[in-house]
């Protein structure tokens, strides 16, 4: 029942507004139409937009700034009293063995076992004395 009254009220209010608009002179109607279009248009338009070139330009500026920072960053100062280790010639042979990627290479060479035995005997003699 209230729906019928609401619809009737809406219809009467709409008719009253239409009559009041028709009673206005043409100049006022035109000014209201312009103001209405301007008000409706401002809601849809964003306040500010990035130009099309701004995103790539910002990325390029950031990359250049990052590269400049890396180039100008001071190198780490050496720690006093700390020197890099120096390897003896015998240790280079051990490094060569560690670099072997295929263990089958070592099994096929019996000289390897003789060499290891000699190295172990030499190390045992050095530490014992």
C-alpha atoms as a PDB file:
ATOM      1  CA  UNK A   1       0.000   0.000   0.000  1.00  0.00           C
ATOM      2  CA  UNK A   2       2.816   2.430   0.778  1.00  0.00           C
ATOM      3  CA  UNK A   3       4.442   1.559  -2.568  1.00  0.00           C
ATOM      4  CA  UNK A   4       1.435   2.963  -4.384  1.00  0.00           C
ATOM      5  CA  UNK A   5       1.627   6.178  -2.380  1.00  0.00           C
ATOM      6  CA  UNK A   6       5.372   6.495  -3.001  1.00  0.00           C
ATOM      7  CA  UNK A   7       4.951   6.063  -6.741  1.00  0.00           C
ATOM      8  CA  UNK A   8       2.146   8.598  -6.768  1.00  0.00           C
ATOM      9  CA  UNK A   9       4.285  11.086  -4.830  1.00  0.00           C
ATOM     10  CA  UNK A  10       7.195  10.598  -7.244  1.00  0.00           C
ATOM     11  CA  UNK A  11       4.939  11.087 -10.263  1.00  0.00           C
ATOM     12  CA  UNK A  12       3.412  14.277  -8.843  1.00  0.00           C
ATOM     13  CA  UNK A  13       6.819  15.695  -7.844  1.00  0.00           C
ATOM     14  CA  UNK A  14       8.192  14.999 -11.330  1.00  0.00           C
ATOM     15  CA  UNK A  15       5.188  16.686 -12.973  1.00  0.00           C
ATOM     16  CA  UNK A  16       5.563  19.717 -10.699  1.00  0.00           C
ATOM     17  CA  UNK A  17       9.276  20.029 -11.566  1.00  0.00           C
ATOM     18  CA  UNK A  18       8.552  19.689 -15.285  1.00  0.00           C
ATOM     19  CA  UNK A  19       5.931  22.502 -15.070  1.00  0.00           C
ATOM     20  CA  UNK A  20       8.347  24.749 -13.187  1.00  0.00           C
ATOM     21  CA  UNK A  21      11.047  24.207 -15.828  1.00  0.00           C
ATOM     22  CA  UNK A  22       8.592  24.951 -18.637  1.00  0.00           C
ATOM     23  CA  UNK A  23       7.645  28.199 -16.890  1.00  0.00           C
ATOM     24  CA  UNK A  24      11.245  29.484 -17.077  1.00  0.00           C
ATOM     25  CA  UNK A  25      12.327  31.807 -19.857  1.00  0.00           C
ATOM     26  CA  UNK A  26      14.641  30.334 -22.572  1.00  0.00           C
ATOM     27  CA  UNK A  27      17.762  32.229 -21.403  1.00  0.00           C
ATOM     28  CA  UNK A  28      17.476  30.820 -17.856  1.00  0.00           C
ATOM     29  CA  UNK A  29      16.843  27.312 -19.216  1.00  0.00           C
ATOM     30  CA  UNK A  30      19.944  27.566 -21.410  1.00  0.00           C
ATOM     31  CA  UNK A  31      22.080  28.800 -18.478  1.00  0.00           C
ATOM     32  CA  UNK A  32      20.823  25.926 -16.303  1.00  0.00           C
ATOM     33  CA  UNK A  33      21.564  23.411 -19.072  1.00  0.00           C
ATOM     34  CA  UNK A  34      25.135  24.746 -19.417  1.00  0.00           C
ATOM     35  CA  UNK A  35      25.654  24.604 -15.638  1.00  0.00           C
ATOM     36  CA  UNK A  36      24.283  21.060 -15.528  1.00  0.00           C
ATOM     37  CA  UNK A  37      26.586  19.866 -18.336  1.00  0.00           C
ATOM     38  CA  UNK A  38      29.576  21.516 -16.637  1.00  0.00           C
ATOM     39  CA  UNK A  39      28.727  19.889 -13.271  1.00  0.00           C
ATOM     40  CA  UNK A  40      28.265  16.452 -14.825  1.00  0.00           C
ATOM     41  CA  UNK A  41      31.461  16.763 -16.877  1.00  0.00           C
ATOM     42  CA  UNK A  42      33.660  17.699 -13.920  1.00  0.00           C
ATOM     43  CA  UNK A  43      32.848  14.522 -12.035  1.00  0.00           C
ATOM     44  CA  UNK A  44      34.051  12.289 -14.866  1.00  0.00           C
ATOM     45  CA  UNK A  45      37.304  14.132 -15.618  1.00  0.00           C
ATOM     46  CA  UNK A  46      40.331  13.211 -13.456  1.00  0.00           C
ATOM     47  CA  UNK A  47      42.042  16.091 -11.693  1.00  0.00           C
ATOM     48  CA  UNK A  48      45.510  15.206 -13.029  1.00  0.00           C
ATOM     49  CA  UNK A  49      46.915  12.497 -15.304  1.00  0.00           C
ATOM     50  CA  UNK A  50      50.474  11.372 -15.973  1.00  0.00           C
ATOM     51  CA  UNK A  51      51.539  12.325 -19.466  1.00  0.00           C
ATOM     52  CA  UNK A  52      52.212   9.344 -21.736  1.00  0.00           C
ATOM     53  CA  UNK A  53      55.991   9.856 -21.630  1.00  0.00           C
ATOM     54  CA  UNK A  54      56.226  10.235 -17.828  1.00  0.00           C
ATOM     55  CA  UNK A  55      56.375   6.533 -16.887  1.00  0.00           C
ATOM     56  CA  UNK A  56      59.239   5.567 -19.229  1.00  0.00           C
ATOM     57  CA  UNK A  57      61.061   8.787 -18.370  1.00  0.00           C
ATOM     58  CA  UNK A  58      60.697   8.083 -14.644  1.00  0.00           C
ATOM     59  CA  UNK A  59      62.018   4.539 -15.157  1.00  0.00           C
ATOM     60  CA  UNK A  60      65.007   5.799 -17.116  1.00  0.00           C
ATOM     61  CA  UNK A  61      65.766   8.436 -14.481  1.00  0.00           C
ATOM     62  CA  UNK A  62      65.634   5.807 -11.736  1.00  0.00           C
ATOM     63  CA  UNK A  63      67.953   3.462 -13.677  1.00  0.00           C
ATOM     64  CA  UNK A  64      70.458   6.273 -14.263  1.00  0.00           C
ATOM     65  CA  UNK A  65      70.352   7.249 -10.610  1.00  0.00           C
ATOM     66  CA  UNK A  66      70.913   3.639  -9.572  1.00  0.00           C
ATOM     67  CA  UNK A  67      73.857   3.251 -11.980  1.00  0.00           C
ATOM     68  CA  UNK A  68      75.392   6.485 -10.716  1.00  0.00           C
ATOM     69  CA  UNK A  69      75.023   5.298  -7.132  1.00  0.00           C
ATOM     70  CA  UNK A  70      76.731   1.999  -7.893  1.00  0.00           C
ATOM     71  CA  UNK A  71      79.615   3.728  -9.691  1.00  0.00           C
ATOM     72  CA  UNK A  72      80.183   6.295  -6.971  1.00  0.00           C
ATOM     73  CA  UNK A  73      79.729   3.964  -3.984  1.00  0.00           C
ATOM     74  CA  UNK A  74      83.025   3.831  -2.078  1.00  0.00           C
ATOM     75  CA  UNK A  75      84.837   0.507  -2.184  1.00  0.00           C
ATOM     76  CA  UNK A  76      85.197  -1.372   1.073  1.00  0.00           C
ATOM     77  CA  UNK A  77      88.350  -0.320   2.889  1.00  0.00           C
ATOM     78  CA  UNK A  78      90.864  -3.125   3.526  1.00  0.00           C
ATOM     79  CA  UNK A  79      90.937  -4.428   7.068  1.00  0.00           C
ATOM     80  CA  UNK A  80      94.337  -3.738   8.675  1.00  0.00           C
ATOM     81  CA  UNK A  81      96.313  -6.892   9.456  1.00  0.00           C
ATOM     82  CA  UNK A  82      94.174  -9.091   7.203  1.00  0.00           C
ATOM     83  CA  UNK A  83      95.950 -10.379   4.124  1.00  0.00           C
ATOM     84  CA  UNK A  84      94.592 -12.845   1.591  1.00  0.00           C
ATOM     85  CA  UNK A  85      95.987 -16.390   1.904  1.00  0.00           C
ATOM     86  CA  UNK A  86      98.854 -17.399  -0.373  1.00  0.00           C
ATOM     87  CA  UNK A  87      98.870 -20.974  -1.672  1.00  0.00           C
ATOM     88  CA  UNK A  88     102.012 -23.065  -1.915  1.00  0.00           C
ATOM     89  CA  UNK A  89     102.766 -24.976  -5.123  1.00  0.00           C
ATOM     90  CA  UNK A  90     101.742 -28.309  -3.581  1.00  0.00           C
ATOM     91  CA  UNK A  91      98.341 -26.902  -2.700  1.00  0.00           C
ATOM     92  CA  UNK A  92      97.681 -26.095  -6.368  1.00  0.00           C
ATOM     93  CA  UNK A  93      97.856 -29.809  -7.125  1.00  0.00           C
ATOM     94  CA  UNK A  94      95.218 -30.450  -4.478  1.00  0.00           C
ATOM     95  CA  UNK A  95      93.040 -27.777  -6.009  1.00  0.00           C
ATOM     96  CA  UNK A  96      93.405 -29.505  -9.377  1.00  0.00           C
ATOM     97  CA  UNK A  97      92.135 -32.701  -7.787  1.00  0.00           C
ATOM     98  CA  UNK A  98      89.157 -30.903  -6.303  1.00  0.00           C
ATOM     99  CA  UNK A  99      88.311 -29.511  -9.720  1.00  0.00           C
ATOM    100  CA  UNK A 100      87.896 -33.000 -11.232  1.00  0.00           C
ATOM    101  CA  UNK A 101      84.275 -33.401 -12.285  1.00  0.00           C
ATOM    102  CA  UNK A 102      84.395 -37.080 -13.217  1.00  0.00           C
ATOM    103  CA  UNK A 103      85.665 -39.374 -10.397  1.00  0.00           C
ATOM    104  CA  UNK A 104      86.296 -42.100 -12.977  1.00  0.00           C
ATOM    105  CA  UNK A 105      89.323 -40.092 -14.116  1.00  0.00           C
ATOM    106  CA  UNK A 106      90.977 -40.704 -10.757  1.00  0.00           C
ATOM    107  CA  UNK A 107      90.187 -44.422 -10.609  1.00  0.00           C
ATOM    108  CA  UNK A 108      91.779 -45.056 -13.995  1.00  0.00           C
ATOM    109  CA  UNK A 109      95.132 -43.611 -12.906  1.00  0.00           C
ATOM    110  CA  UNK A 110      97.047 -45.745 -10.405  1.00  0.00           C
ATOM    111  CA  UNK A 111      99.666 -42.983 -10.069  1.00  0.00           C
ATOM    112  CA  UNK A 112      97.040 -40.974  -8.231  1.00  0.00           C
ATOM    113  CA  UNK A 113      96.973 -43.448  -5.351  1.00  0.00           C
ATOM    114  CA  UNK A 114     100.755 -43.437  -5.129  1.00  0.00           C
ATOM    115  CA  UNK A 115     100.767 -39.665  -5.047  1.00  0.00           C
ATOM    116  CA  UNK A 116      98.083 -39.537  -2.293  1.00  0.00           C
ATOM    117  CA  UNK A 117     100.039 -42.041  -0.226  1.00  0.00           C
ATOM    118  CA  UNK A 118     103.186 -39.931  -0.557  1.00  0.00           C
ATOM    119  CA  UNK A 119     101.329 -36.739   0.383  1.00  0.00           C
ATOM    120  CA  UNK A 120      99.822 -38.352   3.449  1.00  0.00           C
ATOM    121  CA  UNK A 121     103.157 -39.717   4.531  1.00  0.00           C
ATOM    122  CA  UNK A 122     104.772 -36.304   4.028  1.00  0.00           C
ATOM    123  CA  UNK A 123     102.078 -34.523   6.030  1.00  0.00           C
ATOM    124  CA  UNK A 124     102.344 -37.088   8.827  1.00  0.00           C
ATOM    125  CA  UNK A 125     106.092 -36.540   9.039  1.00  0.00           C
ATOM    126  CA  UNK A 126     105.777 -32.744   9.112  1.00  0.00           C
ATOM    127  CA  UNK A 127     103.188 -32.639  11.895  1.00  0.00           C
ATOM    128  CA  UNK A 128     104.903 -35.244  14.038  1.00  0.00           C
ATOM    129  CA  UNK A 129     108.287 -33.493  14.119  1.00  0.00           C
END
